[in-house]
């Protein structure tokens, strides 16, 4: 679920100059080239269907169901299993994924992490991250340095398929559920350990990779983490996890 606030993504170097003016928003919805859209999104992860020949078929079926968008995770641990080498060839090449989305008329929300959760091992972190000395998801230089190769490589790939360059990517999610902390003293302090500088550092890495579409987040609990106007680390459009029918509840038919 996304909550919409301010209207443009602005340059840090020139706060008066928007980074782009194709994807904008107000308190009602997202607009693409001035046209109001409902970003009604399905979820489709290329690494879970490593068969590029099937991607167009999936996107076409999603579009036929009435969806206007798809959000997709990328898994750092799968792409950079060996430190310093991000795999972007073969089934890990993403050009076909982006082309299929465009051909099917689907907008994309990119969610590359570095942490994704997504019910994958280690939240998507490579196993070698366990061997670094620094704490993960913090400003510890050892961890931030570990993220740089992945973020710069994937950021550059996604930047080339943003709508500003004729591609289907209109939104970009930073991290995932960077929201709650173990050992919180109370429910009101679930986010006591979060580092604003960490979120800001990840944002800057992706901006340096020329990501210019709006940044969104996914707050695991609607605490207002990283909402616009909250200072260091704030994103452009605030979003939070919400399951109207509860988590893990199936549909029931009573006769």
Protein backbone atom coordinates (compact mmCIF):
# COMPACT_ATOMS: atom_id res chain seq x y z
CA UNK A 1 0.00 0.00 0.00
CA UNK A 2 1.38 3.42 -0.98
CA UNK A 3 0.52 6.76 0.55
CA UNK A 4 1.11 9.74 -1.73
CA UNK A 5 2.49 13.06 -0.57
CA UNK A 6 4.87 15.46 -2.35
CA UNK A 7 4.98 15.73 -6.10
CA UNK A 8 8.50 15.62 -7.59
CA UNK A 9 11.89 14.00 -7.07
CA UNK A 10 14.41 16.79 -6.59
CA UNK A 11 18.15 16.90 -7.11
CA UNK A 12 20.27 17.10 -3.96
CA UNK A 13 22.68 19.40 -5.78
CA UNK A 14 19.89 21.72 -6.94
CA UNK A 15 16.82 21.43 -4.66
CA UNK A 16 14.82 23.58 -7.06
CA UNK A 17 15.35 21.26 -10.03
CA UNK A 18 13.36 18.00 -10.36
CA UNK A 19 15.38 14.96 -11.44
CA UNK A 20 12.59 14.11 -13.90
CA UNK A 21 9.06 15.24 -14.66
CA UNK A 22 7.53 12.15 -16.28
CA UNK A 23 6.46 10.32 -13.09
CA UNK A 24 4.78 12.68 -10.62
CA UNK A 25 2.19 12.28 -7.89
CA UNK A 26 -0.18 14.09 -5.61
CA UNK A 27 -2.39 13.08 -2.68
CA UNK A 28 -4.59 11.03 -4.99
CA UNK A 29 -2.39 8.93 -7.27
CA UNK A 30 0.69 8.57 -9.43
CA UNK A 31 0.70 10.36 -12.77
CA UNK A 32 2.69 9.28 -15.82
CA UNK A 33 3.17 12.03 -18.38
CA UNK A 34 0.31 13.84 -16.70
CA UNK A 35 -2.08 10.89 -16.97
CA UNK A 36 -3.47 9.68 -13.65
CA UNK A 37 -2.94 5.93 -13.20
CA UNK A 38 -3.79 3.28 -10.65
CA UNK A 39 -0.61 1.31 -10.13
CA UNK A 40 -2.41 -2.00 -9.62
CA UNK A 41 0.49 -4.38 -9.29
CA UNK A 42 1.16 -8.08 -9.39
CA UNK A 43 4.44 -9.64 -8.25
CA UNK A 44 6.82 -11.45 -10.61
CA UNK A 45 10.47 -12.26 -9.87
CA UNK A 46 12.68 -13.21 -12.82
CA UNK A 47 14.99 -15.36 -10.66
CA UNK A 48 12.02 -17.55 -9.71
CA UNK A 49 11.28 -18.29 -13.37
CA UNK A 50 14.75 -18.47 -14.96
CA UNK A 51 13.29 -19.14 -18.40
CA UNK A 52 13.34 -15.86 -20.38
CA UNK A 53 11.22 -17.36 -23.15
CA UNK A 54 8.26 -17.51 -20.76
CA UNK A 55 8.45 -13.94 -19.42
CA UNK A 56 6.35 -12.31 -22.12
CA UNK A 57 3.60 -14.90 -21.67
CA UNK A 58 3.49 -14.20 -17.93
CA UNK A 59 3.37 -10.42 -18.41
CA UNK A 60 0.61 -10.74 -21.01
CA UNK A 61 -1.48 -12.85 -18.63
CA UNK A 62 -0.94 -10.35 -15.82
CA UNK A 63 -2.06 -7.55 -18.13
CA UNK A 64 -5.08 -9.56 -19.26
CA UNK A 65 -6.14 -9.88 -15.62
CA UNK A 66 -6.40 -6.10 -15.43
CA UNK A 67 -3.14 -5.26 -13.68
CA UNK A 68 -1.25 -2.16 -14.77
CA UNK A 69 2.03 -2.96 -13.05
CA UNK A 70 4.39 -5.55 -11.67
CA UNK A 71 6.85 -5.24 -8.82
CA UNK A 72 9.93 -7.41 -8.99
CA UNK A 73 12.68 -8.38 -6.59
CA UNK A 74 16.27 -9.07 -7.55
CA UNK A 75 18.33 -11.29 -5.27
CA UNK A 76 21.79 -10.01 -4.38
CA UNK A 77 22.92 -13.40 -3.09
CA UNK A 78 22.08 -15.10 -6.37
CA UNK A 79 23.68 -12.44 -8.56
CA UNK A 80 26.88 -11.87 -6.56
CA UNK A 81 27.62 -15.29 -5.11
CA UNK A 82 31.29 -14.50 -5.57
CA UNK A 83 32.34 -11.12 -4.11
CA UNK A 84 33.15 -8.64 -6.85
CA UNK A 85 31.39 -10.49 -9.66
CA UNK A 86 27.73 -9.69 -10.38
CA UNK A 87 26.25 -12.12 -12.89
CA UNK A 88 24.25 -10.37 -15.60
CA UNK A 89 24.48 -12.91 -18.40
CA UNK A 90 22.43 -15.91 -19.50
CA UNK A 91 19.29 -16.37 -17.41
CA UNK A 92 20.51 -13.53 -15.20
CA UNK A 93 20.38 -11.01 -18.06
CA UNK A 94 17.41 -8.71 -17.52
CA UNK A 95 16.98 -7.08 -20.94
CA UNK A 96 14.41 -9.70 -21.94
CA UNK A 97 12.47 -9.14 -18.74
CA UNK A 98 12.22 -5.39 -19.30
CA UNK A 99 11.44 -5.78 -23.00
CA UNK A 100 8.65 -8.27 -22.23
CA UNK A 101 7.10 -5.87 -19.70
CA UNK A 102 7.14 -3.05 -22.24
CA UNK A 103 5.67 -5.26 -24.95
CA UNK A 104 2.83 -6.32 -22.63
CA UNK A 105 2.10 -2.73 -21.54
CA UNK A 106 3.17 -3.24 -17.92
CA UNK A 107 4.79 -0.64 -15.67
CA UNK A 108 7.46 -1.88 -13.26
CA UNK A 109 8.40 -1.21 -9.64
CA UNK A 110 12.03 -2.27 -9.13
CA UNK A 111 12.90 -3.79 -5.73
CA UNK A 112 16.57 -4.84 -5.79
CA UNK A 113 17.29 -4.55 -2.07
CA UNK A 114 20.03 -4.96 -1.02
CA UNK A 115 17.82 -6.72 1.57
CA UNK A 116 14.60 -8.08 0.08
CA UNK A 117 13.20 -10.65 2.55
CA UNK A 118 10.95 -12.24 -0.14
CA UNK A 119 11.04 -15.52 1.80
CA UNK A 120 14.50 -16.24 0.41
CA UNK A 121 17.52 -17.44 2.38
CA UNK A 122 19.17 -14.66 4.37
CA UNK A 123 16.74 -12.09 3.03
CA UNK A 124 18.65 -12.21 -0.24
CA UNK A 125 22.10 -11.47 1.19
CA UNK A 126 25.03 -13.47 -0.23
CA UNK A 127 26.38 -16.09 2.17
CA UNK A 128 29.80 -14.39 2.13
CA UNK A 129 28.27 -11.36 3.87
CA UNK A 130 28.21 -13.50 7.02
CA UNK A 131 32.00 -13.43 6.98
CA UNK A 132 32.42 -9.66 6.99
CA UNK A 133 33.19 -8.00 10.29
CA UNK A 134 30.60 -5.21 10.11
CA UNK A 135 26.95 -5.39 11.10
CA UNK A 136 24.53 -5.71 8.18
CA UNK A 137 22.03 -2.96 7.35
CA UNK A 138 24.12 -0.36 9.15
CA UNK A 139 26.57 2.36 8.21
CA UNK A 140 29.46 0.13 9.15
CA UNK A 141 31.94 0.79 6.31
CA UNK A 142 32.64 -2.93 5.86
CA UNK A 143 29.00 -3.64 5.07
CA UNK A 144 28.44 -0.54 2.93
CA UNK A 145 31.55 -1.36 0.92
CA UNK A 146 30.20 -4.87 0.40
CA UNK A 147 27.01 -3.48 -1.17
CA UNK A 148 28.69 -1.09 -3.61
CA UNK A 149 29.46 -3.45 -6.48
CA UNK A 150 25.98 -4.95 -6.49
CA UNK A 151 24.20 -1.60 -6.19
CA UNK A 152 26.29 0.14 -8.83
CA UNK A 153 25.93 -2.74 -11.31
CA UNK A 154 22.21 -3.33 -10.85
CA UNK A 155 21.50 0.38 -10.45
CA UNK A 156 23.10 1.09 -13.82
CA UNK A 157 21.10 -1.69 -15.51
CA UNK A 158 17.79 -0.44 -14.07
CA UNK A 159 18.62 3.21 -14.77
CA UNK A 160 18.75 2.45 -18.49
CA UNK A 161 15.19 1.06 -18.49
CA UNK A 162 13.51 3.80 -16.46
CA UNK A 163 10.62 5.49 -18.21
CA UNK A 164 12.86 8.53 -18.63
CA UNK A 165 14.89 6.39 -21.04
CA UNK A 166 11.89 4.78 -22.73
CA UNK A 167 11.69 1.76 -20.43
CA UNK A 168 8.93 0.40 -18.17
CA UNK A 169 10.38 1.21 -14.70
CA UNK A 170 8.41 4.01 -13.03
CA UNK A 171 9.07 3.38 -9.32
CA UNK A 172 11.99 2.13 -7.23
CA UNK A 173 11.88 0.61 -3.75
CA UNK A 174 14.83 1.00 -1.41
CA UNK A 175 15.57 -1.88 0.95
CA UNK A 176 12.56 -3.85 2.21
CA UNK A 177 10.94 -3.72 5.62
CA UNK A 178 13.78 -1.74 7.16
CA UNK A 179 11.30 -1.01 9.91
CA UNK A 180 11.52 -2.96 13.14
CA UNK A 181 14.23 -4.03 15.56
CA UNK A 182 14.81 -7.06 17.73
CA UNK A 183 14.52 -6.39 21.43
CA UNK A 184 12.33 -3.31 21.10
CA UNK A 185 11.44 -2.00 24.58
CA UNK A 186 7.82 -1.42 23.58
CA UNK A 187 5.46 -1.57 20.61
CA UNK A 188 5.82 2.18 20.22
CA UNK A 189 9.60 1.79 19.87
CA UNK A 190 9.77 -1.02 17.32
CA UNK A 191 12.05 1.12 15.16
CA UNK A 192 14.45 2.29 17.87
CA UNK A 193 17.60 0.86 16.24
CA UNK A 194 17.15 2.07 12.64
CA UNK A 195 19.97 4.18 11.23
CA UNK A 196 18.89 7.20 9.20
CA UNK A 197 22.40 7.49 7.78
CA UNK A 198 22.22 3.91 6.49
CA UNK A 199 19.01 4.51 4.57
CA UNK A 200 20.44 7.76 3.23
CA UNK A 201 23.63 5.99 2.13
CA UNK A 202 21.69 3.36 0.17
CA UNK A 203 19.59 6.10 -1.43
CA UNK A 204 22.72 7.97 -2.47
CA UNK A 205 24.30 4.87 -4.00
CA UNK A 206 21.26 4.35 -6.21
CA UNK A 207 21.05 8.05 -7.11
CA UNK A 208 24.74 7.87 -8.05
CA UNK A 209 23.76 5.01 -10.38
CA UNK A 210 21.34 7.51 -12.02
CA UNK A 211 18.08 6.20 -10.63
CA UNK A 212 15.77 9.21 -10.99
CA UNK A 213 12.25 7.78 -10.67
CA UNK A 214 10.49 8.16 -7.29
CA UNK A 215 11.81 6.19 -4.33
CA UNK A 216 9.24 4.25 -2.31
CA UNK A 217 9.58 2.02 0.75
CA UNK A 218 7.76 -0.87 2.38
CA UNK A 219 7.29 -0.33 6.11
CA UNK A 220 6.66 -3.71 7.76
CA UNK A 221 4.42 -1.94 10.28
CA UNK A 222 2.78 1.41 9.53
CA UNK A 223 5.09 3.40 11.80
CA UNK A 224 5.89 6.17 9.32
CA UNK A 225 9.49 5.03 8.86
CA UNK A 226 11.18 7.01 6.08
CA UNK A 227 8.01 8.94 5.17
CA UNK A 228 8.51 12.24 3.32
CA UNK A 229 9.48 15.02 5.67
CA UNK A 230 10.97 12.76 8.35
CA UNK A 231 14.54 13.88 7.73
CA UNK A 232 17.64 11.92 6.79
CA UNK A 233 16.78 8.80 4.81
CA UNK A 234 13.26 9.92 3.88
CA UNK A 235 11.89 8.59 0.60
CA UNK A 236 9.54 10.19 -1.94
CA UNK A 237 6.39 8.09 -1.51
CA UNK A 238 5.65 6.25 1.72
CA UNK A 239 4.39 2.66 1.60
CA UNK A 240 3.61 0.01 4.19
CA UNK A 241 2.74 -3.67 4.38
CA UNK A 242 -0.96 -4.40 4.68
CA UNK A 243 -2.90 -7.65 4.45
CA UNK A 244 -6.62 -6.82 4.55
CA UNK A 245 -7.57 -10.48 5.08
CA UNK A 246 -4.70 -11.24 7.45
CA UNK A 247 -1.42 -13.05 6.86
CA UNK A 248 -1.67 -16.70 5.82
CA UNK A 249 -5.47 -16.89 5.81
CA UNK A 250 -6.93 -18.69 2.85
CA UNK A 251 -10.29 -18.02 1.25
CA UNK A 252 -13.21 -19.98 2.69
CA UNK A 253 -16.41 -20.96 0.90
CA UNK A 254 -19.43 -21.70 3.05
CA UNK A 255 -22.42 -23.46 1.55
